[in-house]
Amino acid sequence: MKVFVNNVEHAIDIVQDCTLDDILEQIAPSMPQGHLIKSIVLNDKPLQSEWRTDASKIYVLEDDTILINIEDSTVLAKEALVLSREYLIDIMVSFMSVVDDFRAGHNSEANAQFSRIIENLQLYLKLIIEAASLMGRPMENIVDGDVYYSTHLTRLGNNLDTMLPEQQSENWLVFADMIENDLIPTLKEISRLYALLGVR
């Protein structure tokens, strides 16, 4: 078996029923501090992101070749933030589309779409929190003007809590107004993270 880390061959002790997880455990001690695995190629086939959770189920053979690409975690975090900016814009545009649908009386479809967007929003928030932390800038330490950035995240949670009774009561026009006048402006405040972290 040949294992390369950033194009440098790495000596590996092959064990019986060897898995990708076994390989990663062996290379982990030699990885530079603050570096993370960016990608893995197994026999010229790039592995999708599921390797992160399924590494113990991916078996490797003696004649396999594994290429592992590692990178400084701050670089990876910045790359993730750059990509996430477009993701946030898409979320805000989708929320505005939901507002239009509610006002047009397409309540069932709009409500279902709202729930899907909330799931995407949760993934987005998880991503930016982890990325900021990898950059050494945890949310609770980032200052935006005269407030901590985490205040925006708290406000977002409060917005959603306030909106819930209107959603449960199917008061759709009020609900649409709250999306437009409360939720979307808070997301615009959240978008200030990129300027605060110097991500262009």
N, C-alpha and C. Protein backbone atom coordinates (compact mmCIF):
# COMPACT_ATOMS: atom_id res chain seq x y z
N MET A 1 0.85 -1.19 0.00
CA MET A 1 0.00 0.00 0.00
C MET A 1 0.88 1.24 0.00
N LYS A 2 0.50 2.19 -0.82
CA LYS A 2 1.23 3.46 -0.85
C LYS A 2 0.30 4.57 -0.37
N VAL A 3 0.82 5.33 0.58
CA VAL A 3 0.07 6.45 1.13
C VAL A 3 0.91 7.70 0.99
N PHE A 4 0.35 8.71 0.33
CA PHE A 4 1.05 9.98 0.14
C PHE A 4 0.29 11.09 0.86
N VAL A 5 1.02 11.88 1.63
CA VAL A 5 0.43 13.05 2.30
C VAL A 5 1.06 14.28 1.66
N ASN A 6 0.23 15.05 0.95
CA ASN A 6 0.74 16.19 0.17
C ASN A 6 1.92 15.78 -0.72
N ASN A 7 1.71 14.65 -1.42
CA ASN A 7 2.66 14.12 -2.41
C ASN A 7 3.95 13.55 -1.82
N VAL A 8 4.02 13.42 -0.50
CA VAL A 8 5.18 12.80 0.14
C VAL A 8 4.75 11.44 0.68
N GLU A 9 5.48 10.39 0.27
CA GLU A 9 5.08 9.05 0.70
C GLU A 9 5.25 8.90 2.21
N HIS A 10 4.28 8.23 2.80
CA HIS A 10 4.22 8.07 4.25
C HIS A 10 4.25 6.58 4.57
N ALA A 11 5.17 6.17 5.46
CA ALA A 11 5.27 4.76 5.84
C ALA A 11 4.06 4.35 6.68
N ILE A 12 3.46 3.23 6.30
CA ILE A 12 2.26 2.75 6.97
C ILE A 12 2.45 1.30 7.40
N ASP A 13 2.02 1.00 8.61
CA ASP A 13 1.97 -0.39 9.08
C ASP A 13 0.62 -0.97 8.70
N ILE A 14 0.62 -1.95 7.83
CA ILE A 14 -0.63 -2.53 7.35
C ILE A 14 -1.13 -3.55 8.36
N VAL A 15 -2.37 -3.39 8.76
CA VAL A 15 -2.99 -4.33 9.70
C VAL A 15 -4.04 -5.15 8.95
N GLN A 16 -4.45 -6.25 9.57
CA GLN A 16 -5.48 -7.08 8.94
C GLN A 16 -6.80 -6.31 8.93
N ASP A 17 -7.56 -6.46 7.85
CA ASP A 17 -8.82 -5.74 7.68
C ASP A 17 -8.61 -4.24 7.88
N CYS A 18 -7.61 -3.73 7.19
CA CYS A 18 -7.22 -2.32 7.34
C CYS A 18 -8.30 -1.40 6.75
N THR A 19 -8.64 -0.38 7.49
CA THR A 19 -9.62 0.60 7.03
C THR A 19 -8.96 1.95 6.85
N LEU A 20 -9.67 2.84 6.20
CA LEU A 20 -9.18 4.21 6.03
C LEU A 20 -8.95 4.86 7.39
N ASP A 21 -9.80 4.52 8.35
CA ASP A 21 -9.66 5.06 9.70
C ASP A 21 -8.31 4.66 10.31
N ASP A 22 -7.88 3.41 10.07
CA ASP A 22 -6.58 2.95 10.56
C ASP A 22 -5.45 3.79 9.95
N ILE A 23 -5.57 4.07 8.67
CA ILE A 23 -4.55 4.86 7.97
C ILE A 23 -4.50 6.27 8.54
N LEU A 24 -5.67 6.89 8.72
CA LEU A 24 -5.72 8.26 9.22
C LEU A 24 -5.17 8.36 10.63
N GLU A 25 -5.41 7.33 11.44
CA GLU A 25 -4.86 7.32 12.80
C GLU A 25 -3.33 7.28 12.77
N GLN A 26 -2.78 6.57 11.78
CA GLN A 26 -1.32 6.47 11.70
C GLN A 26 -0.66 7.76 11.22
N ILE A 27 -1.35 8.51 10.35
CA ILE A 27 -0.71 9.73 9.86
C ILE A 27 -0.98 10.93 10.77
N ALA A 28 -2.00 10.85 11.61
CA ALA A 28 -2.39 11.99 12.45
C ALA A 28 -1.23 12.55 13.28
N PRO A 29 -0.40 11.71 13.95
CA PRO A 29 0.68 12.27 14.78
C PRO A 29 1.71 13.08 14.00
N SER A 30 1.86 12.80 12.71
CA SER A 30 2.88 13.50 11.92
C SER A 30 2.33 14.72 11.18
N MET A 31 1.01 14.97 11.28
CA MET A 31 0.45 16.14 10.62
C MET A 31 0.86 17.41 11.36
N PRO A 32 1.24 18.44 10.63
CA PRO A 32 1.60 19.70 11.30
C PRO A 32 0.42 20.22 12.13
N GLN A 33 0.76 20.86 13.24
CA GLN A 33 -0.29 21.40 14.10
C GLN A 33 -1.11 22.43 13.34
N GLY A 34 -2.43 22.39 13.55
CA GLY A 34 -3.31 23.34 12.90
C GLY A 34 -3.68 22.98 11.48
N HIS A 35 -3.31 21.77 11.03
CA HIS A 35 -3.65 21.32 9.68
C HIS A 35 -4.79 20.31 9.73
N LEU A 36 -5.59 20.30 8.69
CA LEU A 36 -6.71 19.38 8.56
C LEU A 36 -6.66 18.70 7.20
N ILE A 37 -7.32 17.56 7.12
CA ILE A 37 -7.41 16.87 5.83
C ILE A 37 -8.42 17.58 4.95
N LYS A 38 -7.97 17.94 3.77
CA LYS A 38 -8.84 18.63 2.81
C LYS A 38 -9.52 17.65 1.87
N SER A 39 -8.76 16.64 1.41
CA SER A 39 -9.34 15.68 0.46
C SER A 39 -8.55 14.38 0.51
N ILE A 40 -9.22 13.31 0.06
CA ILE A 40 -8.59 11.99 -0.03
C ILE A 40 -8.95 11.38 -1.38
N VAL A 41 -7.94 10.83 -2.04
CA VAL A 41 -8.13 10.14 -3.32
C VAL A 41 -7.68 8.69 -3.12
N LEU A 42 -8.57 7.76 -3.39
CA LEU A 42 -8.27 6.33 -3.27
C LEU A 42 -8.25 5.71 -4.66
N ASN A 43 -7.06 5.28 -5.09
CA ASN A 43 -6.91 4.68 -6.42
C ASN A 43 -7.48 5.56 -7.52
N ASP A 44 -7.07 6.82 -7.52
CA ASP A 44 -7.47 7.82 -8.52
C ASP A 44 -8.94 8.23 -8.42
N LYS A 45 -9.62 7.79 -7.37
CA LYS A 45 -11.03 8.15 -7.21
C LYS A 45 -11.19 9.05 -5.97
N PRO A 46 -11.54 10.33 -6.19
CA PRO A 46 -11.73 11.22 -5.04
C PRO A 46 -12.89 10.72 -4.17
N LEU A 47 -12.65 10.66 -2.87
CA LEU A 47 -13.70 10.27 -1.94
C LEU A 47 -14.55 11.49 -1.60
N GLN A 48 -15.85 11.30 -1.56
CA GLN A 48 -16.75 12.38 -1.20
C GLN A 48 -16.65 12.62 0.31
N SER A 49 -17.36 13.62 0.79
CA SER A 49 -17.23 14.03 2.19
C SER A 49 -17.65 12.95 3.19
N GLU A 50 -18.32 11.89 2.72
CA GLU A 50 -18.77 10.86 3.67
C GLU A 50 -17.60 10.12 4.32
N TRP A 51 -16.38 10.23 3.76
CA TRP A 51 -15.25 9.55 4.39
C TRP A 51 -15.04 10.04 5.82
N ARG A 52 -15.49 11.27 6.11
CA ARG A 52 -15.30 11.82 7.45
C ARG A 52 -16.07 11.03 8.50
N THR A 53 -17.21 10.48 8.12
CA THR A 53 -18.01 9.71 9.08
C THR A 53 -17.91 8.21 8.84
N ASP A 54 -17.49 7.81 7.63
CA ASP A 54 -17.49 6.39 7.28
C ASP A 54 -16.09 5.81 7.14
N ALA A 55 -15.07 6.49 7.65
CA ALA A 55 -13.70 6.02 7.45
C ALA A 55 -13.48 4.62 8.00
N SER A 56 -14.21 4.27 9.06
CA SER A 56 -14.03 2.93 9.65
C SER A 56 -14.72 1.84 8.82
N LYS A 57 -15.50 2.25 7.80
CA LYS A 57 -16.20 1.28 6.96
C LYS A 57 -15.57 1.18 5.57
N ILE A 58 -14.56 1.99 5.31
CA ILE A 58 -13.90 1.97 4.01
C ILE A 58 -12.64 1.13 4.13
N TYR A 59 -12.66 -0.08 3.57
CA TYR A 59 -11.53 -0.99 3.67
C TYR A 59 -10.53 -0.70 2.54
N VAL A 60 -9.25 -0.80 2.90
CA VAL A 60 -8.19 -0.57 1.92
C VAL A 60 -7.33 -1.83 1.80
N LEU A 61 -6.81 -2.03 0.60
CA LEU A 61 -6.06 -3.26 0.30
C LEU A 61 -4.57 -2.96 0.14
N GLU A 62 -3.80 -4.03 0.13
CA GLU A 62 -2.34 -3.89 0.11
C GLU A 62 -1.83 -3.19 -1.14
N ASP A 63 -2.54 -3.35 -2.26
CA ASP A 63 -2.06 -2.73 -3.50
C ASP A 63 -2.74 -1.38 -3.79
N ASP A 64 -3.46 -0.83 -2.82
CA ASP A 64 -4.13 0.47 -2.99
C ASP A 64 -3.14 1.63 -2.89
N THR A 65 -3.52 2.73 -3.53
CA THR A 65 -2.76 3.98 -3.42
C THR A 65 -3.71 5.05 -2.88
N ILE A 66 -3.26 5.70 -1.81
CA ILE A 66 -4.09 6.72 -1.16
C ILE A 66 -3.34 8.05 -1.19
N LEU A 67 -3.98 9.06 -1.74
CA LEU A 67 -3.42 10.41 -1.77
C LEU A 67 -4.23 11.28 -0.79
N ILE A 68 -3.54 11.81 0.20
CA ILE A 68 -4.20 12.63 1.22
C ILE A 68 -3.67 14.05 1.11
N ASN A 69 -4.58 15.00 0.98
CA ASN A 69 -4.19 16.40 0.87
C ASN A 69 -4.56 17.10 2.18
N ILE A 70 -3.55 17.66 2.85
CA ILE A 70 -3.82 18.40 4.09
C ILE A 70 -3.53 19.87 3.86
N GLU A 71 -4.16 20.72 4.67
CA GLU A 71 -3.95 22.15 4.52
C GLU A 71 -4.16 22.83 5.86
N ASP A 72 -3.55 23.99 5.99
CA ASP A 72 -3.71 24.78 7.21
C ASP A 72 -5.19 25.04 7.45
N SER A 73 -5.63 24.82 8.68
CA SER A 73 -7.06 24.95 8.99
C SER A 73 -7.58 26.36 8.75
N THR A 74 -6.73 27.38 8.92
CA THR A 74 -7.21 28.74 8.69
C THR A 74 -7.49 28.98 7.21
N VAL A 75 -6.69 28.35 6.35
CA VAL A 75 -6.92 28.46 4.90
C VAL A 75 -8.24 27.78 4.54
N LEU A 76 -8.44 26.59 5.08
CA LEU A 76 -9.69 25.87 4.82
C LEU A 76 -10.89 26.66 5.33
N ALA A 77 -10.73 27.28 6.51
CA ALA A 77 -11.82 28.05 7.09
C ALA A 77 -12.18 29.24 6.20
N LYS A 78 -11.15 29.93 5.68
CA LYS A 78 -11.42 31.07 4.81
C LYS A 78 -12.11 30.63 3.52
N GLU A 79 -11.66 29.49 2.97
CA GLU A 79 -12.30 28.97 1.76
C GLU A 79 -13.77 28.66 2.03
N ALA A 80 -14.05 28.06 3.19
CA ALA A 80 -15.44 27.73 3.55
C ALA A 80 -16.27 29.00 3.69
N LEU A 81 -15.68 30.03 4.30
CA LEU A 81 -16.42 31.29 4.48
C LEU A 81 -16.71 31.97 3.15
N VAL A 82 -15.74 31.92 2.24
CA VAL A 82 -15.96 32.53 0.92
C VAL A 82 -17.16 31.85 0.24
N LEU A 83 -17.18 30.53 0.30
CA LEU A 83 -18.30 29.79 -0.31
C LEU A 83 -19.61 30.05 0.41
N SER A 84 -19.54 30.23 1.72
CA SER A 84 -20.76 30.39 2.51
C SER A 84 -21.46 31.71 2.26
N ARG A 85 -20.71 32.71 1.78
CA ARG A 85 -21.33 34.02 1.53
C ARG A 85 -22.45 33.90 0.48
N GLU A 86 -22.16 33.19 -0.62
CA GLU A 86 -23.18 32.97 -1.65
C GLU A 86 -24.35 32.16 -1.10
N TYR A 87 -24.03 31.23 -0.22
CA TYR A 87 -25.05 30.39 0.41
C TYR A 87 -26.01 31.25 1.21
N LEU A 88 -25.47 32.23 1.96
CA LEU A 88 -26.32 33.12 2.75
C LEU A 88 -27.19 33.99 1.85
N ILE A 89 -26.62 34.47 0.76
CA ILE A 89 -27.40 35.28 -0.18
C ILE A 89 -28.57 34.46 -0.73
N ASP A 90 -28.30 33.21 -1.08
CA ASP A 90 -29.36 32.32 -1.58
C ASP A 90 -30.45 32.13 -0.52
N ILE A 91 -30.04 32.00 0.73
CA ILE A 91 -31.02 31.83 1.82
C ILE A 91 -31.91 33.06 1.92
N MET A 92 -31.32 34.25 1.86
CA MET A 92 -32.12 35.48 1.98
C MET A 92 -33.06 35.64 0.79
N VAL A 93 -32.57 35.32 -0.40
CA VAL A 93 -33.43 35.39 -1.60
C VAL A 93 -34.58 34.40 -1.47
N SER A 94 -34.30 33.20 -0.97
CA SER A 94 -35.34 32.19 -0.79
C SER A 94 -36.38 32.63 0.23
N PHE A 95 -35.93 33.26 1.31
CA PHE A 95 -36.88 33.77 2.30
C PHE A 95 -37.80 34.82 1.68
N MET A 96 -37.25 35.68 0.83
CA MET A 96 -38.07 36.71 0.20
C MET A 96 -39.08 36.08 -0.76
N SER A 97 -38.68 35.00 -1.42
CA SER A 97 -39.61 34.27 -2.29
C SER A 97 -40.75 33.67 -1.48
N VAL A 98 -40.44 33.17 -0.29
CA VAL A 98 -41.46 32.63 0.61
C VAL A 98 -42.44 33.72 1.03
N VAL A 99 -41.90 34.90 1.32
CA VAL A 99 -42.75 36.04 1.69
C VAL A 99 -43.76 36.31 0.57
N ASP A 100 -43.27 36.35 -0.67
CA ASP A 100 -44.14 36.60 -1.82
C ASP A 100 -45.21 35.51 -1.94
N ASP A 101 -44.82 34.25 -1.70
CA ASP A 101 -45.77 33.15 -1.80
C ASP A 101 -46.85 33.24 -0.72
N PHE A 102 -46.46 33.59 0.49
CA PHE A 102 -47.46 33.75 1.55
C PHE A 102 -48.45 34.86 1.18
N ARG A 103 -47.95 35.95 0.69
CA ARG A 103 -48.81 37.09 0.34
C ARG A 103 -49.69 36.79 -0.86
N ALA A 104 -49.26 35.81 -1.67
CA ALA A 104 -50.08 35.40 -2.81
C ALA A 104 -51.08 34.31 -2.43
N GLY A 105 -51.03 33.88 -1.17
CA GLY A 105 -51.97 32.87 -0.70
C GLY A 105 -51.53 31.44 -0.91
N HIS A 106 -50.29 31.23 -1.32
CA HIS A 106 -49.77 29.87 -1.51
C HIS A 106 -49.18 29.37 -0.19
N ASN A 107 -50.02 29.27 0.81
CA ASN A 107 -49.55 29.08 2.18
C ASN A 107 -48.90 27.73 2.44
N SER A 108 -49.48 26.68 1.94
CA SER A 108 -48.94 25.34 2.20
C SER A 108 -47.55 25.19 1.60
N GLU A 109 -47.41 25.60 0.33
CA GLU A 109 -46.11 25.51 -0.33
C GLU A 109 -45.09 26.41 0.35
N ALA A 110 -45.51 27.62 0.70
CA ALA A 110 -44.60 28.58 1.33
C ALA A 110 -44.12 28.08 2.69
N ASN A 111 -45.03 27.49 3.45
CA ASN A 111 -44.67 26.99 4.77
C ASN A 111 -43.68 25.82 4.67
N ALA A 112 -43.90 24.95 3.70
CA ALA A 112 -42.98 23.83 3.49
C ALA A 112 -41.60 24.33 3.06
N GLN A 113 -41.61 25.33 2.19
CA GLN A 113 -40.34 25.90 1.73
C GLN A 113 -39.62 26.61 2.88
N PHE A 114 -40.38 27.28 3.74
CA PHE A 114 -39.78 27.96 4.90
C PHE A 114 -39.03 26.95 5.78
N SER A 115 -39.64 25.80 6.01
CA SER A 115 -39.01 24.77 6.84
C SER A 115 -37.71 24.27 6.21
N ARG A 116 -37.71 24.13 4.88
CA ARG A 116 -36.49 23.68 4.19
C ARG A 116 -35.38 24.73 4.31
N ILE A 117 -35.77 25.99 4.19
CA ILE A 117 -34.77 27.07 4.29
C ILE A 117 -34.18 27.12 5.70
N ILE A 118 -35.02 26.90 6.70
CA ILE A 118 -34.53 26.90 8.09
C ILE A 118 -33.48 25.80 8.27
N GLU A 119 -33.70 24.64 7.67
CA GLU A 119 -32.70 23.57 7.74
C GLU A 119 -31.39 24.02 7.11
N ASN A 120 -31.47 24.69 5.96
CA ASN A 120 -30.27 25.21 5.30
C ASN A 120 -29.59 26.27 6.16
N LEU A 121 -30.41 27.10 6.80
CA LEU A 121 -29.87 28.15 7.66
C LEU A 121 -29.11 27.54 8.84
N GLN A 122 -29.64 26.47 9.40
CA GLN A 122 -28.95 25.81 10.51
C GLN A 122 -27.59 25.28 10.08
N LEU A 123 -27.53 24.69 8.87
CA LEU A 123 -26.26 24.20 8.34
C LEU A 123 -25.29 25.36 8.12
N TYR A 124 -25.82 26.47 7.60
CA TYR A 124 -24.99 27.65 7.36
C TYR A 124 -24.39 28.17 8.66
N LEU A 125 -25.22 28.29 9.70
CA LEU A 125 -24.75 28.81 10.98
C LEU A 125 -23.68 27.90 11.58
N LYS A 126 -23.90 26.59 11.47
CA LYS A 126 -22.90 25.64 11.97
C LYS A 126 -21.57 25.83 11.24
N LEU A 127 -21.64 26.03 9.93
CA LEU A 127 -20.44 26.20 9.13
C LEU A 127 -19.68 27.45 9.54
N ILE A 128 -20.37 28.60 9.65
CA ILE A 128 -19.64 29.84 9.94
C ILE A 128 -19.09 29.84 11.37
N ILE A 129 -19.80 29.22 12.30
CA ILE A 129 -19.31 29.14 13.68
C ILE A 129 -18.03 28.32 13.73
N GLU A 130 -18.03 27.16 13.04
CA GLU A 130 -16.85 26.31 13.03
C GLU A 130 -15.69 26.97 12.28
N ALA A 131 -16.00 27.64 11.17
CA ALA A 131 -14.95 28.29 10.38
C ALA A 131 -14.30 29.42 11.17
N ALA A 132 -15.11 30.22 11.83
CA ALA A 132 -14.55 31.32 12.63
C ALA A 132 -13.68 30.79 13.75
N SER A 133 -14.11 29.70 14.36
CA SER A 133 -13.34 29.09 15.44
C SER A 133 -12.00 28.57 14.93
N LEU A 134 -12.00 27.94 13.74
CA LEU A 134 -10.75 27.45 13.14
C LEU A 134 -9.79 28.59 12.83
N MET A 135 -10.33 29.78 12.58
CA MET A 135 -9.49 30.94 12.31
C MET A 135 -9.01 31.61 13.60
N GLY A 136 -9.38 30.99 14.73
CA GLY A 136 -8.98 31.56 16.01
C GLY A 136 -9.83 32.74 16.42
N ARG A 137 -11.03 32.85 15.84
CA ARG A 137 -11.93 33.97 16.14
C ARG A 137 -13.30 33.43 16.53
N PRO A 138 -13.41 32.81 17.71
CA PRO A 138 -14.72 32.31 18.12
C PRO A 138 -15.75 33.44 18.19
N MET A 139 -16.98 33.11 17.89
CA MET A 139 -18.04 34.11 17.76
C MET A 139 -18.15 35.03 18.98
N GLU A 140 -17.96 34.44 20.17
CA GLU A 140 -18.14 35.24 21.39
C GLU A 140 -17.05 36.29 21.57
N ASN A 141 -15.97 36.21 20.76
CA ASN A 141 -14.88 37.19 20.88
C ASN A 141 -14.86 38.22 19.76
N ILE A 142 -15.73 38.06 18.76
CA ILE A 142 -15.76 38.99 17.62
C ILE A 142 -16.62 40.19 17.98
N VAL A 143 -16.06 41.38 17.79
CA VAL A 143 -16.79 42.61 18.11
C VAL A 143 -17.24 43.27 16.82
N ASP A 144 -18.52 43.65 16.77
CA ASP A 144 -19.09 44.35 15.61
C ASP A 144 -19.55 45.72 16.10
N GLY A 145 -18.73 46.72 15.87
CA GLY A 145 -19.06 48.04 16.38
C GLY A 145 -18.97 48.04 17.90
N ASP A 146 -20.11 48.30 18.53
CA ASP A 146 -20.13 48.34 20.00
C ASP A 146 -20.83 47.11 20.59
N VAL A 147 -21.04 46.07 19.77
CA VAL A 147 -21.66 44.84 20.29
C VAL A 147 -20.84 43.63 19.87
N TYR A 148 -20.99 42.56 20.63
CA TYR A 148 -20.36 41.31 20.22
C TYR A 148 -21.16 40.71 19.07
N TYR A 149 -20.44 40.11 18.12
CA TYR A 149 -21.10 39.52 16.96
C TYR A 149 -22.13 38.48 17.35
N SER A 150 -21.87 37.77 18.43
CA SER A 150 -22.80 36.72 18.87
C SER A 150 -24.18 37.28 19.18
N THR A 151 -24.26 38.60 19.41
CA THR A 151 -25.56 39.25 19.64
C THR A 151 -26.48 39.06 18.44
N HIS A 152 -25.90 39.10 17.23
CA HIS A 152 -26.71 38.92 16.01
C HIS A 152 -27.30 37.51 15.97
N LEU A 153 -26.50 36.53 16.39
CA LEU A 153 -26.98 35.14 16.40
C LEU A 153 -28.08 34.96 17.44
N THR A 154 -27.92 35.62 18.59
CA THR A 154 -28.96 35.57 19.62
C THR A 154 -30.24 36.21 19.11
N ARG A 155 -30.11 37.35 18.41
CA ARG A 155 -31.28 38.04 17.87
C ARG A 155 -32.00 37.16 16.85
N LEU A 156 -31.22 36.42 16.05
CA LEU A 156 -31.83 35.52 15.07
C LEU A 156 -32.67 34.46 15.77
N GLY A 157 -32.12 33.87 16.83
CA GLY A 157 -32.88 32.88 17.59
C GLY A 157 -34.14 33.47 18.19
N ASN A 158 -34.03 34.71 18.70
CA ASN A 158 -35.21 35.38 19.26
C ASN A 158 -36.26 35.65 18.19
N ASN A 159 -35.79 36.06 16.99
CA ASN A 159 -36.72 36.28 15.87
C ASN A 159 -37.53 35.03 15.59
N LEU A 160 -36.84 33.90 15.49
CA LEU A 160 -37.51 32.65 15.17
C LEU A 160 -38.48 32.23 16.28
N ASP A 161 -38.09 32.45 17.53
CA ASP A 161 -38.98 32.13 18.66
C ASP A 161 -40.24 32.98 18.62
N THR A 162 -40.08 34.25 18.27
CA THR A 162 -41.23 35.17 18.20
C THR A 162 -42.15 34.83 17.04
N MET A 163 -41.57 34.32 15.96
CA MET A 163 -42.37 34.00 14.78
C MET A 163 -43.17 32.72 14.94
N LEU A 164 -42.70 31.82 15.79
CA LEU A 164 -43.32 30.50 15.89
C LEU A 164 -44.82 30.54 16.20
N PRO A 165 -45.27 31.36 17.17
CA PRO A 165 -46.72 31.38 17.44
C PRO A 165 -47.55 31.79 16.23
N GLU A 166 -47.01 32.72 15.43
CA GLU A 166 -47.75 33.16 14.22
C GLU A 166 -47.83 32.02 13.20
N GLN A 167 -46.76 31.26 13.11
CA GLN A 167 -46.75 30.12 12.20
C GLN A 167 -47.74 29.05 12.68
N GLN A 168 -47.73 28.78 13.97
CA GLN A 168 -48.63 27.77 14.52
C GLN A 168 -50.09 28.19 14.40
N SER A 169 -50.33 29.50 14.49
CA SER A 169 -51.70 30.02 14.36
C SER A 169 -52.11 30.21 12.91
N GLU A 170 -51.19 29.93 12.00
CA GLU A 170 -51.41 30.09 10.56
C GLU A 170 -51.82 31.52 10.21
N ASN A 171 -51.21 32.46 10.93
CA ASN A 171 -51.43 33.88 10.65
C ASN A 171 -50.37 34.29 9.61
N TRP A 172 -50.59 33.86 8.37
CA TRP A 172 -49.55 33.87 7.36
C TRP A 172 -49.10 35.26 6.93
N LEU A 173 -49.98 36.23 6.88
CA LEU A 173 -49.57 37.57 6.45
C LEU A 173 -48.68 38.22 7.49
N VAL A 174 -49.01 38.04 8.76
CA VAL A 174 -48.15 38.56 9.83
C VAL A 174 -46.82 37.82 9.81
N PHE A 175 -46.89 36.51 9.59
CA PHE A 175 -45.69 35.68 9.52
C PHE A 175 -44.78 36.17 8.40
N ALA A 176 -45.37 36.46 7.23
CA ALA A 176 -44.59 36.96 6.09
C ALA A 176 -43.94 38.29 6.42
N ASP A 177 -44.69 39.17 7.10
CA ASP A 177 -44.12 40.47 7.50
C ASP A 177 -42.93 40.29 8.43
N MET A 178 -43.02 39.32 9.33
CA MET A 178 -41.93 39.08 10.28
C MET A 178 -40.69 38.54 9.58
N ILE A 179 -40.90 37.71 8.56
CA ILE A 179 -39.76 37.22 7.78
C ILE A 179 -39.05 38.39 7.11
N GLU A 180 -39.85 39.27 6.49
CA GLU A 180 -39.27 40.38 5.74
C GLU A 180 -38.67 41.45 6.65
N ASN A 181 -39.37 41.79 7.74
CA ASN A 181 -38.98 42.94 8.55
C ASN A 181 -38.07 42.61 9.73
N ASP A 182 -38.05 41.35 10.14
CA ASP A 182 -37.23 40.96 11.29
C ASP A 182 -36.13 39.97 10.91
N LEU A 183 -36.54 38.89 10.27
CA LEU A 183 -35.60 37.81 10.00
C LEU A 183 -34.53 38.21 8.97
N ILE A 184 -34.96 38.72 7.83
CA ILE A 184 -34.00 39.06 6.77
C ILE A 184 -33.04 40.17 7.20
N PRO A 185 -33.51 41.25 7.87
CA PRO A 185 -32.55 42.25 8.36
C PRO A 185 -31.52 41.68 9.33
N THR A 186 -31.93 40.72 10.16
CA THR A 186 -30.97 40.09 11.07
C THR A 186 -29.94 39.28 10.29
N LEU A 187 -30.37 38.62 9.23
CA LEU A 187 -29.43 37.88 8.39
C LEU A 187 -28.44 38.83 7.71
N LYS A 188 -28.90 40.03 7.39
CA LYS A 188 -27.98 41.03 6.81
C LYS A 188 -26.93 41.45 7.83
N GLU A 189 -27.35 41.54 9.09
CA GLU A 189 -26.38 41.84 10.15
C GLU A 189 -25.38 40.68 10.28
N ILE A 190 -25.88 39.47 10.18
CA ILE A 190 -25.01 38.29 10.28
C ILE A 190 -23.99 38.30 9.14
N SER A 191 -24.38 38.82 7.98
CA SER A 191 -23.48 38.83 6.83
C SER A 191 -22.27 39.74 7.05
N ARG A 192 -22.30 40.57 8.09
CA ARG A 192 -21.17 41.45 8.39
C ARG A 192 -19.94 40.65 8.84
N LEU A 193 -20.15 39.37 9.16
CA LEU A 193 -19.04 38.53 9.61
C LEU A 193 -17.89 38.55 8.60
N TYR A 194 -18.20 38.56 7.32
CA TYR A 194 -17.17 38.48 6.31
C TYR A 194 -16.23 39.69 6.37
N ALA A 195 -16.80 40.88 6.54
CA ALA A 195 -15.98 42.08 6.66
C ALA A 195 -15.17 42.03 7.96
N LEU A 196 -15.80 41.56 9.04
CA LEU A 196 -15.12 41.52 10.34
C LEU A 196 -13.94 40.56 10.34
N LEU A 197 -14.03 39.49 9.55
CA LEU A 197 -12.95 38.51 9.48
C LEU A 197 -12.01 38.76 8.30
N GLY A 198 -12.28 39.82 7.54
CA GLY A 198 -11.41 40.14 6.41
C GLY A 198 -11.53 39.16 5.26
N VAL A 199 -12.71 38.56 5.12
CA VAL A 199 -12.94 37.61 4.03
C VAL A 199 -13.60 38.35 2.88
N ARG A 200 -12.97 38.30 1.73
CA ARG A 200 -13.50 39.04 0.58
C ARG A 200 -14.20 38.10 -0.39
